[in-house]
Protein backbone atom coordinates (compact mmCIF):
# COMPACT_ATOMS: atom_id res chain seq x y z
CA MET A 1 -15.89 18.66 0.80
CA SER A 2 -15.53 15.04 -0.27
CA LYS A 3 -14.20 14.35 -3.73
CA ARG A 4 -16.39 12.57 -6.22
CA ASP A 5 -15.55 9.06 -7.28
CA TYR A 6 -13.15 9.22 -10.23
CA TYR A 7 -15.14 6.68 -12.24
CA GLU A 8 -18.27 8.77 -11.66
CA VAL A 9 -16.42 11.90 -12.78
CA LEU A 10 -15.50 10.30 -16.12
CA GLY A 11 -18.82 8.52 -16.44
CA VAL A 12 -17.36 5.05 -16.81
CA ALA A 13 -17.75 1.75 -14.98
CA LYS A 14 -15.06 0.43 -12.63
CA THR A 15 -14.41 -2.32 -15.17
CA ALA A 16 -13.78 0.19 -17.97
CA SER A 17 -10.82 -0.51 -20.25
CA ASP A 18 -7.93 1.92 -20.71
CA ASP A 19 -9.33 2.90 -24.10
CA GLU A 20 -12.78 3.59 -22.66
CA ILE A 21 -11.26 5.78 -19.95
CA LYS A 22 -9.25 7.75 -22.49
CA LYS A 23 -12.26 8.26 -24.77
CA ALA A 24 -14.38 9.42 -21.82
CA PHE A 25 -11.78 11.99 -20.82
CA ARG A 26 -11.35 13.23 -24.39
CA LYS A 27 -15.08 13.87 -24.55
CA LEU A 28 -15.09 15.80 -21.26
CA ALA A 29 -11.94 17.73 -22.20
CA VAL A 30 -13.55 18.92 -25.41
CA LYS A 31 -16.70 19.91 -23.51
CA TYR A 32 -15.11 21.70 -20.55
CA HIS A 33 -11.71 22.98 -21.78
CA PRO A 34 -11.22 26.49 -20.31
CA ASP A 35 -9.97 27.94 -23.61
CA LYS A 36 -13.27 27.07 -25.26
CA GLU A 37 -16.24 29.42 -25.04
CA GLY A 38 -18.60 28.00 -22.45
CA GLY A 39 -15.85 25.88 -20.89
CA ASP A 40 -15.77 25.05 -17.19
CA GLU A 41 -12.33 25.14 -15.58
CA ALA A 42 -13.44 23.45 -12.34
CA LYS A 43 -15.01 20.49 -14.16
CA PHE A 44 -12.07 20.32 -16.55
CA LYS A 45 -9.64 20.07 -13.62
CA GLU A 46 -11.81 17.45 -11.94
CA ALA A 47 -11.85 15.33 -15.10
CA SER A 48 -8.11 15.82 -15.58
CA GLU A 49 -7.40 14.67 -12.02
CA ALA A 50 -9.56 11.58 -12.47
CA TYR A 51 -7.91 10.71 -15.78
CA GLU A 52 -4.41 11.23 -14.38
CA VAL A 53 -5.08 8.49 -11.79
CA LEU A 54 -7.15 6.03 -13.83
CA LYS A 55 -4.85 6.04 -16.86
CA ASP A 56 -1.97 4.75 -14.70
CA LYS A 57 -2.28 1.05 -13.81
CA GLN A 58 -0.49 1.33 -10.45
CA LYS A 59 -2.36 4.45 -9.37
CA ARG A 60 -5.64 2.93 -10.51
CA GLN A 61 -4.95 -0.21 -8.47
CA ARG A 62 -4.16 1.88 -5.36
CA TYR A 63 -7.29 3.96 -5.94
CA ASP A 64 -9.46 0.84 -6.29
CA GLN A 65 -8.05 -0.51 -3.02
CA PHE A 66 -7.77 2.63 -0.86
CA GLY A 67 -9.87 5.28 -2.60
CA HIS A 68 -8.61 8.85 -2.75
CA ALA A 69 -6.25 8.18 0.18
CA GLY A 70 -4.32 5.67 -1.92
CA VAL A 71 -3.37 8.31 -4.49
CA GLY A 72 -2.64 11.20 -2.15
CA GLY A 73 -6.13 12.66 -2.46
CA ALA A 74 -7.92 11.80 0.78
CA SER A 75 -11.06 13.85 1.20
CA GLY A 76 -11.33 16.00 4.27
CA SER A 77 -8.32 16.70 6.50
CA GLY A 78 -5.97 14.79 8.72
CA GLY A 79 -5.16 12.09 6.18
CA ALA A 80 -8.00 9.82 7.19
CA GLY A 81 -7.71 6.47 5.50
CA ASN A 82 -4.02 6.89 4.68
CA PRO A 83 -1.95 4.66 6.98
CA PHE A 84 1.01 7.00 6.62
CA GLY A 85 -0.81 10.34 6.65
CA GLY A 86 0.39 12.77 9.28
CA PHE A 87 3.88 11.34 9.74
CA SER A 88 6.61 13.89 9.25
CA GLY A 89 10.20 14.32 10.25
CA ASN A 90 13.49 15.28 8.64
CA ALA A 91 11.65 16.62 5.59
CA GLN A 92 10.09 13.20 5.05
CA THR A 93 6.41 12.63 4.40
CA PHE A 94 4.59 9.61 3.04
CA ASN A 95 2.69 9.99 -0.19
CA PHE A 96 1.41 7.69 -2.93
CA ASP A 97 0.90 10.26 -5.69
CA PHE A 98 3.89 11.25 -7.77
CA GLY A 99 2.33 13.75 -10.15
CA GLY A 100 2.56 13.48 -13.91
CA GLY A 101 1.75 15.52 -16.98
CA MET A 102 -1.37 15.61 -19.10
CA GLY A 103 0.46 16.60 -22.27
CA ASP A 104 -0.24 13.36 -24.10
CA ILE A 105 -4.01 13.73 -24.14
CA PHE A 106 -3.91 17.50 -24.76
CA SER A 107 -1.56 16.97 -27.65
CA ASP A 108 -4.09 14.61 -29.20
CA LEU A 109 -6.92 17.04 -28.65
CA PHE A 110 -5.47 20.46 -29.41
CA GLY A 111 -2.04 19.95 -30.90
CA PHE A 112 -0.14 21.60 -28.06
CA GLY A 113 1.05 20.92 -24.52
CA GLY A 114 -1.41 20.82 -21.64
CA GLY A 115 -2.34 23.70 -19.41
CA ARG A 116 -3.57 27.24 -19.97
CA ASN A 117 -1.14 30.16 -20.09
CA ARG A 118 1.74 27.82 -19.47
CA LYS A 119 4.73 29.67 -18.00
CA GLN A 120 8.26 28.85 -16.99
CA PRO A 121 8.32 26.01 -14.43
CA VAL A 122 8.91 27.28 -10.89
CA ARG A 123 10.51 24.07 -9.64
CA GLY A 124 12.65 21.22 -10.89
CA HIS A 125 11.47 17.76 -11.85
CA ASP A 126 10.57 15.19 -9.20
CA VAL A 127 12.75 12.09 -9.08
CA GLU A 128 11.82 8.52 -8.11
CA THR A 129 14.05 5.73 -6.85
CA SER A 130 13.73 2.66 -4.61
CA VAL A 131 15.60 1.11 -1.70
CA ASP A 132 15.58 -2.45 -0.31
CA ILE A 133 15.73 -3.00 3.45
CA LYS A 134 15.62 -6.02 5.76
CA PHE A 135 12.64 -6.96 7.91
CA GLU A 136 14.41 -5.90 11.14
CA GLU A 137 15.44 -2.58 9.56
CA ALA A 138 11.78 -1.86 8.80
CA ILE A 139 10.89 -2.58 12.42
CA PHE A 140 13.57 -0.46 14.08
CA GLY A 141 14.39 2.08 11.37
CA VAL A 142 17.66 2.52 9.51
CA GLU A 143 19.76 5.00 7.56
CA LYS A 144 20.58 4.17 3.95
CA ASP A 145 22.99 5.74 1.49
CA ILE A 146 21.33 6.58 -1.82
CA ALA A 147 23.13 7.60 -5.01
CA LEU A 148 21.45 8.66 -8.25
CA THR A 149 22.19 10.79 -11.30
CA MET A 150 20.15 13.98 -11.76
CA ASN A 151 20.29 17.59 -12.87
CA VAL A 152 22.03 19.85 -10.37
CA LYS A 153 22.77 23.55 -10.49
CA CYS A 154 25.96 24.41 -12.39
CA GLU A 155 28.39 25.75 -9.82
CA HIS A 156 30.46 27.58 -12.43
CA CYS A 157 27.64 29.95 -13.38
CA LYS A 158 25.52 29.45 -10.22
CA GLY A 159 22.66 28.25 -12.40
CA ARG A 160 22.41 31.50 -14.43
CA GLY A 161 23.62 29.92 -17.68
CA ALA A 162 25.89 32.89 -18.37
CA GLU A 163 29.68 32.82 -18.24
CA PRO A 164 30.82 34.51 -15.00
CA GLY A 165 31.50 38.20 -15.63
CA THR A 166 28.86 38.43 -18.36
CA GLU A 167 25.24 39.51 -18.11
CA LEU A 168 21.83 38.20 -19.09
CA LYS A 169 19.93 40.10 -21.74
CA THR A 170 16.23 40.29 -22.57
CA CYS A 171 15.09 37.55 -24.91
CA PRO A 172 14.52 39.06 -28.38
CA THR A 173 11.77 36.56 -29.20
CA CYS A 174 9.40 37.05 -26.27
CA HIS A 175 10.76 40.44 -25.14
CA GLY A 176 11.18 39.18 -21.60
CA SER A 177 7.73 37.67 -21.02
CA GLY A 178 8.88 34.05 -21.32
CA GLN A 179 5.88 33.32 -23.55
CA ILE A 180 4.78 33.75 -27.12
CA ASN A 181 1.27 33.63 -28.53
CA ARG A 182 0.32 31.10 -31.14
CA VAL A 183 -2.92 30.66 -33.02
CA MET A 184 -4.07 27.05 -33.07
CA ASN A 185 -6.69 25.71 -35.45
CA THR A 186 -8.82 23.28 -33.45
CA LEU A 187 -12.25 21.73 -33.75
CA PHE A 188 -13.52 24.77 -31.84
CA GLY A 189 -12.06 27.14 -34.39
CA ALA A 190 -8.98 29.33 -34.05
CA ILE A 191 -7.69 29.55 -30.46
CA GLN A 192 -4.92 31.86 -29.30
CA GLN A 193 -2.68 30.07 -26.86
CA ALA A 194 0.28 31.32 -24.82
CA VAL A 195 3.18 28.84 -24.97
CA VAL A 196 6.69 28.79 -23.54
CA CYS A 197 9.16 30.79 -25.58
CA PRO A 198 11.43 28.33 -27.43
CA THR A 199 14.38 30.74 -27.41
CA CYS A 200 14.70 31.34 -23.66
CA ASN A 201 12.67 28.32 -22.46
CA GLY A 202 10.36 30.60 -20.50
CA LYS A 203 13.10 32.47 -18.63
CA GLY A 204 12.62 35.80 -20.40
CA LYS A 205 16.37 36.30 -20.57
CA ILE A 206 19.28 34.72 -22.40
CA PRO A 207 23.01 34.93 -21.63
CA GLU A 208 25.20 37.34 -23.53
CA GLN A 209 27.83 34.59 -23.39
CA LYS A 210 26.86 31.03 -22.57
CA CYS A 211 28.52 29.29 -19.62
CA SER A 212 31.58 27.38 -20.74
CA VAL A 213 30.74 24.48 -18.42
CA CYS A 214 27.00 23.89 -18.87
CA GLY A 215 26.58 25.49 -22.31
CA GLY A 216 24.02 27.99 -21.02
CA ASP A 217 21.64 25.46 -19.48
CA GLY A 218 22.51 26.41 -15.91
CA LEU A 219 22.42 22.69 -15.06
CA LYS A 220 24.77 19.70 -15.01
CA ARG A 221 24.16 15.94 -14.78
CA GLU A 222 25.93 14.66 -11.70
CA ARG A 223 25.94 11.66 -9.39
CA VAL A 224 24.34 12.77 -6.14
CA SER A 225 24.71 10.90 -2.83
CA LEU A 226 22.58 11.42 0.26
CA LYS A 227 21.56 9.69 3.47
CA LEU A 228 17.96 8.57 3.85
CA LYS A 229 16.53 8.14 7.33
CA ILE A 230 13.88 5.40 7.22
CA PRO A 231 11.57 5.56 10.25
CA ALA A 232 10.86 2.62 12.52
CA GLY A 233 7.66 0.81 11.60
CA ILE A 234 7.68 1.54 7.89
CA ASP A 235 5.89 -1.08 5.80
CA ASP A 236 6.66 -2.67 2.46
CA GLY A 237 5.48 -0.52 -0.44
CA ALA A 238 5.54 2.78 1.46
CA THR A 239 7.02 5.85 -0.21
CA ILE A 240 9.11 8.53 1.47
CA ARG A 241 9.12 12.03 -0.03
CA LEU A 242 12.20 14.19 0.48
CA SER A 243 11.14 17.74 -0.24
CA GLY A 244 13.59 19.72 -2.37
CA LYS A 245 15.90 16.77 -3.00
CA GLY A 246 14.87 16.25 -6.62
CA GLU A 247 16.28 17.87 -9.73
CA ALA A 248 17.37 21.49 -9.87
CA ILE A 249 15.96 24.02 -12.33
CA ALA A 250 17.86 26.77 -14.04
CA GLY A 251 17.19 30.35 -13.04
CA GLY A 252 16.99 29.90 -9.27
CA GLY A 253 13.71 28.03 -8.91
CA GLU A 254 13.09 25.38 -6.25
CA ASN A 255 14.34 21.83 -6.63
CA GLY A 256 11.80 19.10 -7.22
CA ASP A 257 11.10 16.36 -4.68
CA LEU A 258 12.68 12.94 -4.33
CA TYR A 259 10.33 9.97 -3.89
CA VAL A 260 11.89 6.82 -2.46
CA HIS A 261 9.86 3.61 -2.70
CA VAL A 262 10.68 1.25 0.17
CA ARG A 263 10.76 -2.50 -0.43
CA VAL A 264 11.02 -4.73 2.64
CA LYS A 265 12.57 -8.15 2.12
CA ALA A 266 10.61 -11.13 3.41
CA ASP A 267 11.87 -12.81 6.59
CA LYS A 268 12.13 -16.58 7.02
CA LYS A 269 10.91 -16.49 10.61
CA PHE A 270 8.51 -13.57 10.91
CA THR A 271 5.57 -12.15 9.00
CA ARG A 272 3.78 -8.88 9.60
CA GLU A 273 0.19 -7.68 9.74
CA GLY A 274 0.06 -3.96 10.46
CA GLU A 275 1.67 -3.50 13.88
CA LEU A 276 1.58 -7.24 14.64
CA ILE A 277 4.50 -9.62 14.15
CA LEU A 278 3.54 -13.28 13.65
CA SER A 279 5.59 -16.45 14.10
CA GLU A 280 5.14 -20.13 14.94
CA GLU A 281 6.76 -22.42 17.50
CA LYS A 282 6.54 -26.21 17.71
CA VAL A 283 6.10 -28.32 20.83
CA SER A 284 5.77 -32.05 21.29
CA MET A 285 2.48 -33.72 22.12
CA ALA A 286 3.74 -34.51 25.62
CA GLU A 287 4.87 -30.91 26.21
CA ALA A 288 1.49 -29.60 25.07
CA ALA A 289 -0.32 -32.03 27.36
CA LEU A 290 1.83 -31.52 30.46
CA GLY A 291 2.79 -27.86 29.93
CA THR A 292 6.28 -26.47 29.37
CA GLU A 293 8.39 -23.37 28.82
CA ILE A 294 9.91 -22.63 25.43
CA ASP A 295 12.37 -20.12 24.07
CA VAL A 296 10.71 -17.86 21.48
CA GLU A 297 12.69 -15.88 18.94
CA THR A 298 11.50 -12.26 18.62
CA VAL A 299 12.94 -9.18 16.92
CA ASP A 300 14.12 -8.17 20.42
CA GLY A 301 15.92 -11.45 21.07
CA ILE A 302 15.01 -14.72 22.80
CA ILE A 303 12.10 -14.63 25.27
CA THR A 304 10.97 -17.51 27.49
CA MET A 305 7.25 -18.21 27.10
CA LYS A 306 5.07 -20.49 29.23
CA VAL A 307 2.91 -23.03 27.39
CA PRO A 308 0.11 -24.14 29.76
CA ALA A 309 -0.85 -27.79 30.16
CA GLY A 310 -3.51 -28.89 27.70
CA THR A 311 -2.52 -26.41 24.99
CA GLN A 312 -4.10 -27.30 21.65
CA SER A 313 -2.34 -27.00 18.30
CA GLY A 314 -3.01 -23.61 16.70
CA THR A 315 -3.33 -21.73 20.00
CA ASP A 316 -2.10 -18.12 19.81
CA PHE A 317 -0.08 -16.47 22.55
CA LYS A 318 0.42 -12.71 22.75
CA LEU A 319 3.74 -11.09 23.63
CA SER A 320 2.80 -7.47 24.22
CA GLY A 321 5.24 -4.74 23.23
CA HIS A 322 7.35 -6.91 20.93
CA GLY A 323 5.65 -6.02 17.65
CA VAL A 324 6.01 -3.14 15.19
CA PRO A 325 6.43 0.46 16.40
CA SER A 326 3.65 2.86 15.46
CA LEU A 327 4.63 5.40 12.78
CA HIS A 328 2.56 8.01 14.58
CA ASN A 329 3.91 7.17 18.05
CA PRO A 330 7.27 5.33 18.01
CA ASP A 331 7.01 4.76 21.78
CA ARG A 332 4.02 2.49 21.22
CA ARG A 333 4.55 -0.97 19.79
CA GLY A 334 2.21 -3.69 18.67
CA ALA A 335 2.30 -7.30 19.86
CA HIS A 336 4.10 -10.42 18.74
CA ILE A 337 1.64 -13.28 18.21
CA VAL A 338 3.12 -16.76 18.65
CA THR A 339 1.11 -19.65 17.23
CA VAL A 340 1.94 -22.97 18.89
CA ARG A 341 1.89 -26.06 16.67
CA VAL A 342 1.73 -29.46 18.37
CA GLU A 343 3.84 -32.04 16.55
CA THR A 344 2.46 -35.55 16.19
CA PRO A 345 5.26 -38.05 16.82
CA ARG A 346 6.39 -40.42 14.06
CA ASP A 347 8.39 -43.66 14.06
CA LEU A 348 7.28 -44.60 17.57
CA SER A 349 9.04 -47.40 19.43
CA LYS A 350 7.05 -50.39 20.63
CA LYS A 351 7.10 -49.05 24.17
CA GLN A 352 5.82 -45.65 23.06
CA LYS A 353 3.06 -47.23 21.03
CA ALA A 354 2.06 -49.39 23.98
CA LEU A 355 1.91 -46.37 26.29
CA LEU A 356 -0.23 -44.45 23.83
CA GLU A 357 -2.55 -47.43 23.38
CA GLU A 358 -2.90 -47.65 27.13
CA PHE A 359 -3.61 -43.93 27.32
CA LYS A 360 -6.16 -44.13 24.51
CA ASN A 361 -8.04 -47.04 26.09
CA GLU A 362 -8.09 -45.53 29.56
CA LYS A 363 -11.57 -44.27 30.40
CA PRO A 364 -11.37 -40.53 31.00
CA ARG A 365 -12.88 -39.16 34.21
CA ARG A 366 -14.33 -36.02 32.61
CA ARG A 367 -13.06 -35.36 29.13
CA GLY A 368 -10.80 -37.27 26.77
CA PHE A 369 -7.42 -35.82 25.94
CA PHE A 370 -8.16 -35.96 22.22
CA GLY A 371 -11.45 -34.15 22.37
């Protein structure tokens, strides 16, 4: 089933300001919040999803340009509309949506963090970073070394938070549930809400003796290095997701994901349009009129290209198979389009001027050279 337009969900115009979007969501959150009698969880989630995208300037811009596909929410299956949908390999997938919490708006509304029956997180935080690559590296693919500081599992206690040789005991505050109940006074009246236990942070257990290395957190901040395989044909602004390469979480849960934003440096010679590579070559007026062969620089090296007699300035020539590899099929490549520019000579000698005058005044048999 296709998703509804996010602006329609919130009931605002596409030109709505950030404040108008926030006010619209607050109104819907009050109306549909699941903890309220008569609430509607499905509509609340729909409004929350729309707000999560439209409150973020970059996500909103991608949504305005690409629709749901631009924020990782393409309707239907198969990633239609997402130029990187469907590519996978070495735990890498392309995605434009990096998650994010709703706690800010819920805090304003209800005085507590977002989400109903919030429990201990089951995975670590996602991490974002960026990498710069050259034009040719984007065409043919490359491996890059990435280093960043993040939470990793403490090796001394294996992430348990307890000093080796000691045990974990049931949390005395939540009695092992990882949650405590609080009564919140809201505009709906008193609401009982389950929140994460502040003593055990939702784990349900605490160490008898805290780890001497991590202080009981089960985590350490460390500099992590890894190799990133960037596929051939990647475009500027694409994002690679490395599943499970984000931050660790104490207690044995899954690591978060690592999102790497790829920035491709501009090239002096070539430009790119999808799977096409574009460049220009100059020829003299005489070469264009009489025909010639020129050496063309491509990403694969120098190629000799024939310029037929009578070629006009601005004529495009296609070099098949010398463009950008397809992300979906690396064996298929686009074309290299060469635009020929005819140079008009300057500082002519008297003899050259005389020859051109003679040529200009000569009555053409069928069609004049200049038109």
